[in-house]
Every structure is written in structure tokens, then in C-alpha cells.
Amino acid sequence: LAWAIEQVRPDIKVMANKGLKIFPELQDYFIFTNPLAANDPKNAPSI
């Protein structure tokens, strides 16, 4: 979806699970959160 949307909107960002940090090449697509811990204080800056 990020790849397809980028063809129209190069400014696309994806709110994504921090587990996807496993792909460093894709990090420019993502704004990372921790969906398994809704009260994680690190989620607030991401929002």
C-alpha cells in the first residue's frame, strides 16, 4: 500500500508497528508506534 500510494503521493507516511524497524530500508515510509501497549508514552510523539 505504501508503494502504490507513493506513486500518487510521494509524501506518504504510514503509522506502523515498531516491529517493522526490521526493515531499515523502509523506515522513511513509517511513523512507528507500539500498538500492543496503548499507554506506551512513546506513542504520543508518534501521534
PDB file of all heavy atoms in Angstrom:
ATOM      1  N   LEU A   1       0.833  -1.202   0.000  1.00  0.00           N
ATOM      2  CA  LEU A   1       0.000   0.000   0.000  1.00  0.00           C
ATOM      3  C   LEU A   1       0.870   1.256   0.000  1.00  0.00           C
ATOM      4  O   LEU A   1       0.583   2.214  -0.722  1.00  0.00           O
ATOM      5  CB  LEU A   1      -0.938   0.000   1.205  1.00  0.00           C
ATOM      6  CG  LEU A   1      -2.130  -0.949   1.128  1.00  0.00           C
ATOM      7  CD1 LEU A   1      -2.925  -0.922   2.427  1.00  0.00           C
ATOM      8  CD2 LEU A   1      -3.051  -0.610  -0.056  1.00  0.00           C
ATOM      9  N   ALA A   2       1.944   1.258   0.797  1.00  0.00           N
ATOM     10  CA  ALA A   2       2.853   2.410   0.796  1.00  0.00           C
ATOM     11  C   ALA A   2       3.443   2.617  -0.593  1.00  0.00           C
ATOM     12  O   ALA A   2       3.504   3.753  -1.093  1.00  0.00           O
ATOM     13  CB  ALA A   2       3.965   2.203   1.823  1.00  0.00           C
ATOM     14  N   TRP A   3       3.869   1.521  -1.231  1.00  0.00           N
ATOM     15  CA  TRP A   3       4.458   1.628  -2.567  1.00  0.00           C
ATOM     16  C   TRP A   3       3.432   2.148  -3.574  1.00  0.00           C
ATOM     17  O   TRP A   3       3.726   3.032  -4.379  1.00  0.00           O
ATOM     18  CB  TRP A   3       4.992   0.266  -3.009  1.00  0.00           C
ATOM     19  CG  TRP A   3       5.484   0.276  -4.418  1.00  0.00           C
ATOM     20  CD1 TRP A   3       6.699   0.699  -4.867  1.00  0.00           C
ATOM     21  CD2 TRP A   3       4.739  -0.098  -5.576  1.00  0.00           C
ATOM     22  NE1 TRP A   3       6.759   0.598  -6.239  1.00  0.00           N
ATOM     23  CE2 TRP A   3       5.569   0.112  -6.700  1.00  0.00           C
ATOM     24  CE3 TRP A   3       3.451  -0.599  -5.771  1.00  0.00           C
ATOM     25  CZ2 TRP A   3       5.147  -0.160  -8.002  1.00  0.00           C
ATOM     26  CZ3 TRP A   3       3.033  -0.870  -7.059  1.00  0.00           C
ATOM     27  CH2 TRP A   3       3.871  -0.662  -8.160  1.00  0.00           C
ATOM     28  N   ALA A   4       2.209   1.619  -3.544  1.00  0.00           N
ATOM     29  CA  ALA A   4       1.176   2.028  -4.502  1.00  0.00           C
ATOM     30  C   ALA A   4       0.758   3.481  -4.292  1.00  0.00           C
ATOM     31  O   ALA A   4       0.599   4.245  -5.255  1.00  0.00           O
ATOM     32  CB  ALA A   4      -0.045   1.112  -4.385  1.00  0.00           C
ATOM     33  N   ILE A   5       0.583   3.872  -3.040  1.00  0.00           N
ATOM     34  CA  ILE A   5       0.162   5.241  -2.747  1.00  0.00           C
ATOM     35  C   ILE A   5       1.264   6.230  -3.111  1.00  0.00           C
ATOM     36  O   ILE A   5       0.998   7.337  -3.590  1.00  0.00           O
ATOM     37  CB  ILE A   5      -0.229   5.368  -1.260  1.00  0.00           C
ATOM     38  CG1 ILE A   5      -1.467   4.507  -0.963  1.00  0.00           C
ATOM     39  CG2 ILE A   5      -0.509   6.826  -0.883  1.00  0.00           C
ATOM     40  CD1 ILE A   5      -1.728   4.303   0.518  1.00  0.00           C
ATOM     41  N   GLU A   6       2.517   5.831  -2.911  1.00  0.00           N
ATOM     42  CA  GLU A   6       3.637   6.724  -3.196  1.00  0.00           C
ATOM     43  C   GLU A   6       3.687   7.148  -4.667  1.00  0.00           C
ATOM     44  O   GLU A   6       4.178   8.233  -4.989  1.00  0.00           O
ATOM     45  CB  GLU A   6       4.957   6.052  -2.810  1.00  0.00           C
ATOM     46  CG  GLU A   6       6.160   6.972  -2.923  1.00  0.00           C
ATOM     47  CD  GLU A   6       7.478   6.248  -2.796  1.00  0.00           C
ATOM     48  OE1 GLU A   6       7.488   5.009  -2.898  1.00  0.00           O
ATOM     49  OE2 GLU A   6       8.506   6.931  -2.629  1.00  0.00           O
ATOM     50  N   GLN A   7       3.169   6.308  -5.548  1.00  0.00           N
ATOM     51  CA  GLN A   7       3.181   6.664  -6.968  1.00  0.00           C
ATOM     52  C   GLN A   7       2.341   7.914  -7.226  1.00  0.00           C
ATOM     53  O   GLN A   7       2.590   8.652  -8.190  1.00  0.00           O
ATOM     54  CB  GLN A   7       2.649   5.498  -7.830  1.00  0.00           C
ATOM     55  CG  GLN A   7       3.245   4.142  -7.525  1.00  0.00           C
ATOM     56  CD  GLN A   7       4.760   4.139  -7.475  1.00  0.00           C
ATOM     57  OE1 GLN A   7       5.408   4.539  -8.432  1.00  0.00           O
ATOM     58  NE2 GLN A   7       5.315   3.698  -6.362  1.00  0.00           N
ATOM     59  N   VAL A   8       1.341   8.158  -6.373  1.00  0.00           N
ATOM     60  CA  VAL A   8       0.479   9.334  -6.484  1.00  0.00           C
ATOM     61  C   VAL A   8       0.875  10.401  -5.477  1.00  0.00           C
ATOM     62  O   VAL A   8       0.870  11.596  -5.778  1.00  0.00           O
ATOM     63  CB  VAL A   8      -1.008   8.949  -6.258  1.00  0.00           C
ATOM     64  CG1 VAL A   8      -1.920  10.169  -6.371  1.00  0.00           C
ATOM     65  CG2 VAL A   8      -1.436   7.873  -7.241  1.00  0.00           C
ATOM     66  N   ARG A   9       1.228   9.953  -4.270  1.00  0.00           N
ATOM     67  CA  ARG A   9       1.571  10.856  -3.177  1.00  0.00           C
ATOM     68  C   ARG A   9       2.950  10.515  -2.627  1.00  0.00           C
ATOM     69  O   ARG A   9       3.084   9.704  -1.712  1.00  0.00           O
ATOM     70  CB  ARG A   9       0.507  10.758  -2.071  1.00  0.00           C
ATOM     71  CG  ARG A   9      -0.882  11.222  -2.468  1.00  0.00           C
ATOM     72  CD  ARG A   9      -0.918  12.711  -2.826  1.00  0.00           C
ATOM     73  NE  ARG A   9      -0.505  13.546  -1.707  1.00  0.00           N
ATOM     74  CZ  ARG A   9      -1.371  14.154  -0.888  1.00  0.00           C
ATOM     75  NH1 ARG A   9      -2.677  14.036  -1.081  1.00  0.00           N
ATOM     76  NH2 ARG A   9      -0.922  14.916   0.096  1.00  0.00           N
ATOM     77  N   PRO A  10       4.005  11.133  -3.178  1.00  0.00           N
ATOM     78  CA  PRO A  10       5.361  10.860  -2.681  1.00  0.00           C
ATOM     79  C   PRO A  10       5.553  11.236  -1.210  1.00  0.00           C
ATOM     80  O   PRO A  10       6.538  10.808  -0.591  1.00  0.00           O
ATOM     81  CB  PRO A  10       6.241  11.730  -3.585  1.00  0.00           C
ATOM     82  CG  PRO A  10       5.434  11.979  -4.812  1.00  0.00           C
ATOM     83  CD  PRO A  10       4.007  12.033  -4.354  1.00  0.00           C
ATOM     84  N   ASP A  11       4.605  12.001  -0.661  1.00  0.00           N
ATOM     85  CA  ASP A  11       4.713  12.422   0.735  1.00  0.00           C
ATOM     86  C   ASP A  11       4.085  11.427   1.703  1.00  0.00           C
ATOM     87  O   ASP A  11       3.945  11.714   2.897  1.00  0.00           O
ATOM     88  CB  ASP A  11       4.050  13.790   0.920  1.00  0.00           C
ATOM     89  CG  ASP A  11       2.566  13.792   0.531  1.00  0.00           C
ATOM     90  OD1 ASP A  11       2.119  12.836  -0.142  1.00  0.00           O
ATOM     91  OD2 ASP A  11       1.862  14.758   0.875  1.00  0.00           O
ATOM     92  N   ILE A  12       3.728  10.233   1.255  1.00  0.00           N
ATOM     93  CA  ILE A  12       3.021   9.275   2.096  1.00  0.00           C
ATOM     94  C   ILE A  12       3.843   8.877   3.325  1.00  0.00           C
ATOM     95  O   ILE A  12       5.043   8.625   3.248  1.00  0.00           O
ATOM     96  CB  ILE A  12       2.641   7.991   1.296  1.00  0.00           C
ATOM     97  CG1 ILE A  12       1.827   7.001   2.177  1.00  0.00           C
ATOM     98  CG2 ILE A  12       3.876   7.323   0.722  1.00  0.00           C
ATOM     99  CD1 ILE A  12       0.498   7.509   2.596  1.00  0.00           C
ATOM    100  N   LYS A  13       3.162   8.839   4.479  1.00  0.00           N
ATOM    101  CA  LYS A  13       3.714   8.282   5.705  1.00  0.00           C
ATOM    102  C   LYS A  13       2.746   7.213   6.201  1.00  0.00           C
ATOM    103  O   LYS A  13       1.531   7.333   6.014  1.00  0.00           O
ATOM    104  CB  LYS A  13       3.884   9.354   6.778  1.00  0.00           C
ATOM    105  CG  LYS A  13       4.997  10.357   6.490  1.00  0.00           C
ATOM    106  CD  LYS A  13       6.372   9.713   6.606  1.00  0.00           C
ATOM    107  CE  LYS A  13       7.490  10.732   6.429  1.00  0.00           C
ATOM    108  NZ  LYS A  13       8.841  10.097   6.508  1.00  0.00           N
ATOM    109  N   VAL A  14       3.285   6.189   6.843  1.00  0.00           N
ATOM    110  CA  VAL A  14       2.478   5.077   7.324  1.00  0.00           C
ATOM    111  C   VAL A  14       2.664   4.962   8.831  1.00  0.00           C
ATOM    112  O   VAL A  14       3.796   4.843   9.313  1.00  0.00           O
ATOM    113  CB  VAL A  14       2.889   3.751   6.662  1.00  0.00           C
ATOM    114  CG1 VAL A  14       1.970   2.615   7.109  1.00  0.00           C
ATOM    115  CG2 VAL A  14       2.895   3.883   5.147  1.00  0.00           C
ATOM    116  N   MET A  15       1.546   5.008   9.573  1.00  0.00           N
ATOM    117  CA  MET A  15       1.615   4.755  11.009  1.00  0.00           C
ATOM    118  C   MET A  15       1.747   3.253  11.187  1.00  0.00           C
ATOM    119  O   MET A  15       0.825   2.498  10.850  1.00  0.00           O
ATOM    120  CB  MET A  15       0.360   5.283  11.700  1.00  0.00           C
ATOM    121  CG  MET A  15       0.480   5.372  13.196  1.00  0.00           C
ATOM    122  SD  MET A  15      -0.960   6.175  13.926  1.00  0.00           S
ATOM    123  CE  MET A  15      -0.363   6.450  15.596  1.00  0.00           C
ATOM    124  N   ALA A  16       2.885   2.790  11.705  1.00  0.00           N
ATOM    125  CA  ALA A  16       3.212   1.368  11.629  1.00  0.00           C
ATOM    126  C   ALA A  16       3.740   0.836  12.953  1.00  0.00           C
ATOM    127  O   ALA A  16       4.274   1.576  13.785  1.00  0.00           O
ATOM    128  CB  ALA A  16       4.251   1.133  10.534  1.00  0.00           C
ATOM    129  N   ASN A  17       3.608  -0.483  13.109  1.00  0.00           N
ATOM    130  CA  ASN A  17       4.146  -1.196  14.267  1.00  0.00           C
ATOM    131  C   ASN A  17       5.668  -1.068  14.277  1.00  0.00           C
ATOM    132  O   ASN A  17       6.329  -1.263  13.251  1.00  0.00           O
ATOM    133  CB  ASN A  17       3.740  -2.671  14.157  1.00  0.00           C
ATOM    134  CG  ASN A  17       4.065  -3.463  15.399  1.00  0.00           C
ATOM    135  OD1 ASN A  17       5.157  -3.381  15.939  1.00  0.00           O
ATOM    136  ND2 ASN A  17       3.103  -4.254  15.850  1.00  0.00           N
ATOM    137  N   LYS A  18       6.219  -0.774  15.442  1.00  0.00           N
ATOM    138  CA  LYS A  18       7.666  -0.590  15.536  1.00  0.00           C
ATOM    139  C   LYS A  18       8.439  -1.863  15.176  1.00  0.00           C
ATOM    140  O   LYS A  18       9.645  -1.800  14.915  1.00  0.00           O
ATOM    141  CB  LYS A  18       8.052  -0.116  16.930  1.00  0.00           C
ATOM    142  CG  LYS A  18       7.783  -1.106  18.048  1.00  0.00           C
ATOM    143  CD  LYS A  18       8.187  -0.526  19.405  1.00  0.00           C
ATOM    144  CE  LYS A  18       8.005  -1.536  20.527  1.00  0.00           C
ATOM    145  NZ  LYS A  18       8.421  -0.966  21.838  1.00  0.00           N
ATOM    146  N   GLY A  19       7.734  -3.008  15.110  1.00  0.00           N
ATOM    147  CA  GLY A  19       8.386  -4.242  14.682  1.00  0.00           C
ATOM    148  C   GLY A  19       8.922  -4.155  13.258  1.00  0.00           C
ATOM    149  O   GLY A  19       9.845  -4.883  12.889  1.00  0.00           O
ATOM    150  N   LEU A  20       8.347  -3.236  12.457  1.00  0.00           N
ATOM    151  CA  LEU A  20       8.814  -3.093  11.075  1.00  0.00           C
ATOM    152  C   LEU A  20      10.157  -2.372  10.975  1.00  0.00           C
ATOM    153  O   LEU A  20      10.675  -2.181   9.875  1.00  0.00           O
ATOM    154  CB  LEU A  20       7.758  -2.358  10.238  1.00  0.00           C
ATOM    155  CG  LEU A  20       6.544  -3.222   9.864  1.00  0.00           C
ATOM    156  CD1 LEU A  20       5.470  -2.381   9.194  1.00  0.00           C
ATOM    157  CD2 LEU A  20       6.943  -4.363   8.952  1.00  0.00           C
ATOM    158  N   LYS A  21      10.723  -2.009  12.119  1.00  0.00           N
ATOM    159  CA  LYS A  21      12.087  -1.479  12.098  1.00  0.00           C
ATOM    160  C   LYS A  21      13.073  -2.535  11.613  1.00  0.00           C
ATOM    161  O   LYS A  21      14.234  -2.224  11.331  1.00  0.00           O
ATOM    162  CB  LYS A  21      12.493  -1.002  13.494  1.00  0.00           C
ATOM    163  CG  LYS A  21      11.815   0.297  13.922  1.00  0.00           C
ATOM    164  CD  LYS A  21      12.309   0.760  15.290  1.00  0.00           C
ATOM    165  CE  LYS A  21      11.669   2.073  15.680  1.00  0.00           C
ATOM    166  NZ  LYS A  21      12.123   2.540  17.020  1.00  0.00           N
ATOM    167  N   ILE A  22      12.607  -3.783  11.525  1.00  0.00           N
ATOM    168  CA  ILE A  22      13.444  -4.859  10.992  1.00  0.00           C
ATOM    169  C   ILE A  22      13.884  -4.557   9.558  1.00  0.00           C
ATOM    170  O   ILE A  22      14.879  -5.068   9.074  1.00  0.00           O
ATOM    171  CB  ILE A  22      12.686  -6.209  11.056  1.00  0.00           C
ATOM    172  CG1 ILE A  22      13.640  -7.377  10.845  1.00  0.00           C
ATOM    173  CG2 ILE A  22      11.544  -6.262  10.060  1.00  0.00           C
ATOM    174  CD1 ILE A  22      13.008  -8.729  11.089  1.00  0.00           C
ATOM    175  N   PHE A  23      13.114  -3.684   8.864  1.00  0.00           N
ATOM    176  CA  PHE A  23      13.461  -3.263   7.507  1.00  0.00           C
ATOM    177  C   PHE A  23      13.998  -1.832   7.547  1.00  0.00           C
ATOM    178  O   PHE A  23      13.237  -0.882   7.361  1.00  0.00           O
ATOM    179  CB  PHE A  23      12.240  -3.293   6.584  1.00  0.00           C
ATOM    180  CG  PHE A  23      11.674  -4.657   6.336  1.00  0.00           C
ATOM    181  CD1 PHE A  23      10.350  -4.929   6.620  1.00  0.00           C
ATOM    182  CD2 PHE A  23      12.453  -5.658   5.788  1.00  0.00           C
ATOM    183  CE1 PHE A  23       9.807  -6.178   6.372  1.00  0.00           C
ATOM    184  CE2 PHE A  23      11.919  -6.921   5.535  1.00  0.00           C
ATOM    185  CZ  PHE A  23      10.599  -7.179   5.836  1.00  0.00           C
ATOM    186  N   PRO A  24      15.279  -1.616   7.775  1.00  0.00           N
ATOM    187  CA  PRO A  24      15.793  -0.244   7.839  1.00  0.00           C
ATOM    188  C   PRO A  24      15.600   0.519   6.533  1.00  0.00           C
ATOM    189  O   PRO A  24      15.450   1.748   6.536  1.00  0.00           O
ATOM    190  CB  PRO A  24      17.283  -0.429   8.168  1.00  0.00           C
ATOM    191  CG  PRO A  24      17.605  -1.838   7.771  1.00  0.00           C
ATOM    192  CD  PRO A  24      16.353  -2.622   7.994  1.00  0.00           C
ATOM    193  N   GLU A  25      15.571  -0.206   5.414  1.00  0.00           N
ATOM    194  CA  GLU A  25      15.411   0.462   4.109  1.00  0.00           C
ATOM    195  C   GLU A  25      14.046   1.128   3.970  1.00  0.00           C
ATOM    196  O   GLU A  25      13.876   2.043   3.164  1.00  0.00           O
ATOM    197  CB  GLU A  25      15.597  -0.553   2.969  1.00  0.00           C
ATOM    198  CG  GLU A  25      17.002  -1.135   2.862  1.00  0.00           C
ATOM    199  CD  GLU A  25      17.245  -2.291   3.826  1.00  0.00           C
ATOM    200  OE1 GLU A  25      16.308  -2.659   4.566  1.00  0.00           O
ATOM    201  OE2 GLU A  25      18.370  -2.813   3.852  1.00  0.00           O
ATOM    202  N   LEU A  26      13.053   0.654   4.726  1.00  0.00           N
ATOM    203  CA  LEU A  26      11.690   1.180   4.599  1.00  0.00           C
ATOM    204  C   LEU A  26      11.355   2.242   5.635  1.00  0.00           C
ATOM    205  O   LEU A  26      10.252   2.786   5.632  1.00  0.00           O
ATOM    206  CB  LEU A  26      10.669   0.028   4.731  1.00  0.00           C
ATOM    207  CG  LEU A  26      10.664  -1.014   3.623  1.00  0.00           C
ATOM    208  CD1 LEU A  26       9.660  -2.113   3.951  1.00  0.00           C
ATOM    209  CD2 LEU A  26      10.317  -0.375   2.283  1.00  0.00           C
ATOM    210  N   GLN A  27      12.288   2.571   6.525  1.00  0.00           N
ATOM    211  CA  GLN A  27      11.947   3.410   7.666  1.00  0.00           C
ATOM    212  C   GLN A  27      11.446   4.792   7.272  1.00  0.00           C
ATOM    213  O   GLN A  27      10.677   5.409   8.019  1.00  0.00           O
ATOM    214  CB  GLN A  27      13.135   3.510   8.629  1.00  0.00           C
ATOM    215  CG  GLN A  27      13.361   2.215   9.394  1.00  0.00           C
ATOM    216  CD  GLN A  27      14.261   2.387  10.604  1.00  0.00           C
ATOM    217  OE1 GLN A  27      14.387   3.458  11.159  1.00  0.00           O
ATOM    218  NE2 GLN A  27      14.896   1.295  11.014  1.00  0.00           N
ATOM    219  N   ASP A  28      11.843   5.293   6.113  1.00  0.00           N
ATOM    220  CA  ASP A  28      11.388   6.616   5.696  1.00  0.00           C
ATOM    221  C   ASP A  28       9.885   6.642   5.411  1.00  0.00           C
ATOM    222  O   ASP A  28       9.275   7.706   5.399  1.00  0.00           O
ATOM    223  CB  ASP A  28      12.158   7.086   4.460  1.00  0.00           C
ATOM    224  CG  ASP A  28      11.900   8.558   4.149  1.00  0.00           C
ATOM    225  OD1 ASP A  28      11.955   9.372   5.081  1.00  0.00           O
ATOM    226  OD2 ASP A  28      11.617   8.878   2.977  1.00  0.00           O
ATOM    227  N   TYR A  29       9.280   5.481   5.173  1.00  0.00           N
ATOM    228  CA  TYR A  29       7.825   5.407   4.986  1.00  0.00           C
ATOM    229  C   TYR A  29       7.081   5.593   6.310  1.00  0.00           C
ATOM    230  O   TYR A  29       5.950   6.061   6.331  1.00  0.00           O
ATOM    231  CB  TYR A  29       7.417   4.027   4.451  1.00  0.00           C
ATOM    232  CG  TYR A  29       7.498   3.819   2.962  1.00  0.00           C
ATOM    233  CD1 TYR A  29       8.058   2.642   2.452  1.00  0.00           C
ATOM    234  CD2 TYR A  29       6.987   4.738   2.048  1.00  0.00           C
ATOM    235  CE1 TYR A  29       8.122   2.404   1.081  1.00  0.00           C
ATOM    236  CE2 TYR A  29       7.049   4.508   0.690  1.00  0.00           C
ATOM    237  CZ  TYR A  29       7.616   3.342   0.206  1.00  0.00           C
ATOM    238  OH  TYR A  29       7.672   3.101  -1.145  1.00  0.00           O
ATOM    239  N   PHE A  30       7.702   5.166   7.433  1.00  0.00           N
ATOM    240  CA  PHE A  30       6.941   4.865   8.636  1.00  0.00           C
ATOM    241  C   PHE A  30       7.040   5.918   9.730  1.00  0.00           C
ATOM    242  O   PHE A  30       8.067   6.571   9.900  1.00  0.00           O
ATOM    243  CB  PHE A  30       7.402   3.525   9.220  1.00  0.00           C
ATOM    244  CG  PHE A  30       7.218   2.354   8.308  1.00  0.00           C
ATOM    245  CD1 PHE A  30       8.217   1.411   8.141  1.00  0.00           C
ATOM    246  CD2 PHE A  30       6.041   2.191   7.593  1.00  0.00           C
ATOM    247  CE1 PHE A  30       8.056   0.324   7.303  1.00  0.00           C
ATOM    248  CE2 PHE A  30       5.861   1.106   6.744  1.00  0.00           C
ATOM    249  CZ  PHE A  30       6.868   0.174   6.598  1.00  0.00           C
ATOM    250  N   ILE A  31       5.958   6.039  10.496  1.00  0.00           N
ATOM    251  CA  ILE A  31       5.943   6.686  11.799  1.00  0.00           C
ATOM    252  C   ILE A  31       5.599   5.564  12.783  1.00  0.00           C
ATOM    253  O   ILE A  31       4.500   5.004  12.731  1.00  0.00           O
ATOM    254  CB  ILE A  31       4.907   7.815  11.863  1.00  0.00           C
ATOM    255  CG1 ILE A  31       5.247   8.918  10.840  1.00  0.00           C
ATOM    256  CG2 ILE A  31       4.837   8.400  13.278  1.00  0.00           C
ATOM    257  CD1 ILE A  31       4.167   9.980  10.709  1.00  0.00           C
ATOM    258  N   PHE A  32       6.530   5.216  13.658  1.00  0.00           N
ATOM    259  CA  PHE A  32       6.394   3.992  14.445  1.00  0.00           C
ATOM    260  C   PHE A  32       5.596   4.196  15.740  1.00  0.00           C
ATOM    261  O   PHE A  32       5.709   5.228  16.406  1.00  0.00           O
ATOM    262  CB  PHE A  32       7.773   3.431  14.795  1.00  0.00           C
ATOM    263  CG  PHE A  32       8.513   2.895  13.610  1.00  0.00           C
ATOM    264  CD1 PHE A  32       9.638   3.547  13.117  1.00  0.00           C
ATOM    265  CD2 PHE A  32       8.087   1.739  12.973  1.00  0.00           C
ATOM    266  CE1 PHE A  32      10.318   3.050  12.018  1.00  0.00           C
ATOM    267  CE2 PHE A  32       8.772   1.231  11.881  1.00  0.00           C
ATOM    268  CZ  PHE A  32       9.886   1.891  11.401  1.00  0.00           C
ATOM    269  N   THR A  33       4.792   3.177  16.076  1.00  0.00           N
ATOM    270  CA  THR A  33       4.067   3.140  17.339  1.00  0.00           C
ATOM    271  C   THR A  33       4.172   1.736  17.927  1.00  0.00           C
ATOM    272  O   THR A  33       4.669   0.813  17.279  1.00  0.00           O
ATOM    273  CB  THR A  33       2.567   3.475  17.155  1.00  0.00           C
ATOM    274  OG1 THR A  33       1.961   2.472  16.312  1.00  0.00           O
ATOM    275  CG2 THR A  33       2.380   4.836  16.530  1.00  0.00           C
ATOM    276  N   ASN A  34       3.653   1.595  19.131  1.00  0.00           N
ATOM    277  CA  ASN A  34       3.582   0.290  19.785  1.00  0.00           C
ATOM    278  C   ASN A  34       2.112  -0.047  20.018  1.00  0.00           C
ATOM    279  O   ASN A  34       1.553   0.297  21.066  1.00  0.00           O
ATOM    280  CB  ASN A  34       4.344   0.301  21.109  1.00  0.00           C
ATOM    281  CG  ASN A  34       4.298  -1.055  21.804  1.00  0.00           C
ATOM    282  OD1 ASN A  34       3.815  -2.043  21.235  1.00  0.00           O
ATOM    283  ND2 ASN A  34       4.786  -1.109  23.027  1.00  0.00           N
ATOM    284  N   PRO A  35       1.452  -0.722  19.075  1.00  0.00           N
ATOM    285  CA  PRO A  35       0.020  -0.995  19.217  1.00  0.00           C
ATOM    286  C   PRO A  35      -0.318  -1.992  20.310  1.00  0.00           C
ATOM    287  O   PRO A  35      -1.468  -2.082  20.739  1.00  0.00           O
ATOM    288  CB  PRO A  35      -0.358  -1.547  17.835  1.00  0.00           C
ATOM    289  CG  PRO A  35       0.901  -2.145  17.315  1.00  0.00           C
ATOM    290  CD  PRO A  35       2.006  -1.251  17.827  1.00  0.00           C
ATOM    291  N   LEU A  36       0.684  -2.747  20.778  1.00  0.00           N
ATOM    292  CA  LEU A  36       0.423  -3.723  21.838  1.00  0.00           C
ATOM    293  C   LEU A  36       0.396  -3.084  23.221  1.00  0.00           C
ATOM    294  O   LEU A  36       0.017  -3.732  24.192  1.00  0.00           O
ATOM    295  CB  LEU A  36       1.479  -4.831  21.798  1.00  0.00           C
ATOM    296  CG  LEU A  36       1.491  -5.697  20.541  1.00  0.00           C
ATOM    297  CD1 LEU A  36       2.562  -6.764  20.649  1.00  0.00           C
ATOM    298  CD2 LEU A  36       0.137  -6.330  20.296  1.00  0.00           C
ATOM    299  N   ALA A  37       0.785  -1.814  23.292  1.00  0.00           N
ATOM    300  CA  ALA A  37       0.762  -1.100  24.571  1.00  0.00           C
ATOM    301  C   ALA A  37       0.186   0.290  24.328  1.00  0.00           C
ATOM    302  O   ALA A  37       0.918   1.236  24.040  1.00  0.00           O
ATOM    303  CB  ALA A  37       2.164  -1.018  25.165  1.00  0.00           C
ATOM    304  N   ALA A  38      -1.124   0.396  24.423  1.00  0.00           N
ATOM    305  CA  ALA A  38      -1.801   1.653  24.099  1.00  0.00           C
ATOM    306  C   ALA A  38      -1.322   2.808  24.963  1.00  0.00           C
ATOM    307  O   ALA A  38      -1.349   3.968  24.535  1.00  0.00           O
ATOM    308  CB  ALA A  38      -3.312   1.477  24.260  1.00  0.00           C
ATOM    309  N   ASN A  39      -0.856   2.506  26.181  1.00  0.00           N
ATOM    310  CA  ASN A  39      -0.424   3.554  27.097  1.00  0.00           C
ATOM    311  C   ASN A  39       1.074   3.815  27.044  1.00  0.00           C
ATOM    312  O   ASN A  39       1.611   4.517  27.903  1.00  0.00           O
ATOM    313  CB  ASN A  39      -0.832   3.191  28.529  1.00  0.00           C
ATOM    314  CG  ASN A  39      -2.346   3.127  28.685  1.00  0.00           C
ATOM    315  OD1 ASN A  39      -3.063   3.947  28.114  1.00  0.00           O
ATOM    316  ND2 ASN A  39      -2.823   2.155  29.460  1.00  0.00           N
ATOM    317  N   ASP A  40       1.759   3.246  26.070  1.00  0.00           N
ATOM    318  CA  ASP A  40       3.187   3.486  25.907  1.00  0.00           C
ATOM    319  C   ASP A  40       3.415   4.978  25.690  1.00  0.00           C
ATOM    320  O   ASP A  40       2.890   5.562  24.730  1.00  0.00           O
ATOM    321  CB  ASP A  40       3.709   2.691  24.707  1.00  0.00           C
ATOM    322  CG  ASP A  40       5.237   2.740  24.582  1.00  0.00           C
ATOM    323  OD1 ASP A  40       5.847   3.717  25.067  1.00  0.00           O
ATOM    324  OD2 ASP A  40       5.813   1.816  23.978  1.00  0.00           O
ATOM    325  N   PRO A  41       4.198   5.659  26.566  1.00  0.00           N
ATOM    326  CA  PRO A  41       4.408   7.102  26.406  1.00  0.00           C
ATOM    327  C   PRO A  41       5.071   7.485  25.089  1.00  0.00           C
ATOM    328  O   PRO A  41       4.961   8.629  24.645  1.00  0.00           O
ATOM    329  CB  PRO A  41       5.290   7.470  27.607  1.00  0.00           C
ATOM    330  CG  PRO A  41       5.911   6.179  28.051  1.00  0.00           C
ATOM    331  CD  PRO A  41       4.906   5.120  27.741  1.00  0.00           C
ATOM    332  N   LYS A  42       5.749   6.529  24.458  1.00  0.00           N
ATOM    333  CA  LYS A  42       6.393   6.818  23.183  1.00  0.00           C
ATOM    334  C   LYS A  42       5.391   6.950  22.045  1.00  0.00           C
ATOM    335  O   LYS A  42       5.731   7.404  20.955  1.00  0.00           O
ATOM    336  CB  LYS A  42       7.411   5.720  22.854  1.00  0.00           C
ATOM    337  CG  LYS A  42       8.597   5.679  23.810  1.00  0.00           C
ATOM    338  CD  LYS A  42       9.584   4.584  23.430  1.00  0.00           C
ATOM    339  CE  LYS A  42      10.757   4.549  24.404  1.00  0.00           C
ATOM    340  NZ  LYS A  42      11.727   3.466  24.059  1.00  0.00           N
ATOM    341  N   ASN A  43       4.135   6.528  22.272  1.00  0.00           N
ATOM    342  CA  ASN A  43       3.125   6.646  21.219  1.00  0.00           C
ATOM    343  C   ASN A  43       2.660   8.088  21.026  1.00  0.00           C
ATOM    344  O   ASN A  43       2.258   8.465  19.923  1.00  0.00           O
ATOM    345  CB  ASN A  43       1.918   5.760  21.547  1.00  0.00           C
ATOM    346  CG  ASN A  43       2.203   4.288  21.308  1.00  0.00           C
ATOM    347  OD1 ASN A  43       3.182   3.935  20.657  1.00  0.00           O
ATOM    348  ND2 ASN A  43       1.359   3.418  21.846  1.00  0.00           N
ATOM    349  N   ALA A  44       2.677   8.884  22.089  1.00  0.00           N
ATOM    350  CA  ALA A  44       2.178  10.259  21.998  1.00  0.00           C
ATOM    351  C   ALA A  44       2.946  11.090  20.972  1.00  0.00           C
ATOM    352  O   ALA A  44       2.324  11.763  20.133  1.00  0.00           O
ATOM    353  CB  ALA A  44       2.200  10.924  23.365  1.00  0.00           C
ATOM    354  N   PRO A  45       4.289  11.086  20.974  1.00  0.00           N
ATOM    355  CA  PRO A  45       5.011  11.834  19.933  1.00  0.00           C
ATOM    356  C   PRO A  45       4.702  11.332  18.525  1.00  0.00           C
ATOM    357  O   PRO A  45       4.668  12.121  17.575  1.00  0.00           O
ATOM    358  CB  PRO A  45       6.483  11.607  20.289  1.00  0.00           C
ATOM    359  CG  PRO A  45       6.486  11.263  21.734  1.00  0.00           C
ATOM    360  CD  PRO A  45       5.216  10.510  21.962  1.00  0.00           C
ATOM    361  N   SER A  46       4.470  10.023  18.388  1.00  0.00           N
ATOM    362  CA  SER A  46       4.142   9.461  17.074  1.00  0.00           C
ATOM    363  C   SER A  46       2.808  10.006  16.574  1.00  0.00           C
ATOM    364  O   SER A  46       2.665  10.358  15.396  1.00  0.00           O
ATOM    365  CB  SER A  46       4.085   7.935  17.150  1.00  0.00           C
ATOM    366  OG  SER A  46       5.321   7.398  17.535  1.00  0.00           O
ATOM    367  N   ILE A  47       1.815  10.093  17.480  1.00  0.00           N
ATOM    368  CA  ILE A  47       0.508  10.631  17.104  1.00  0.00           C
ATOM    369  C   ILE A  47       0.626  12.096  16.722  1.00  0.00           C
ATOM    370  O   ILE A  47       0.033  12.546  15.732  1.00  0.00           O
ATOM    371  CB  ILE A  47      -0.493  10.426  18.253  1.00  0.00           C
ATOM    372  CG1 ILE A  47      -0.758   8.924  18.452  1.00  0.00           C
ATOM    373  CG2 ILE A  47      -1.805  11.164  17.974  1.00  0.00           C
ATOM    374  CD1 ILE A  47      -1.550   8.601  19.696  1.00  0.00           C
TER     375      ILE A  47
END
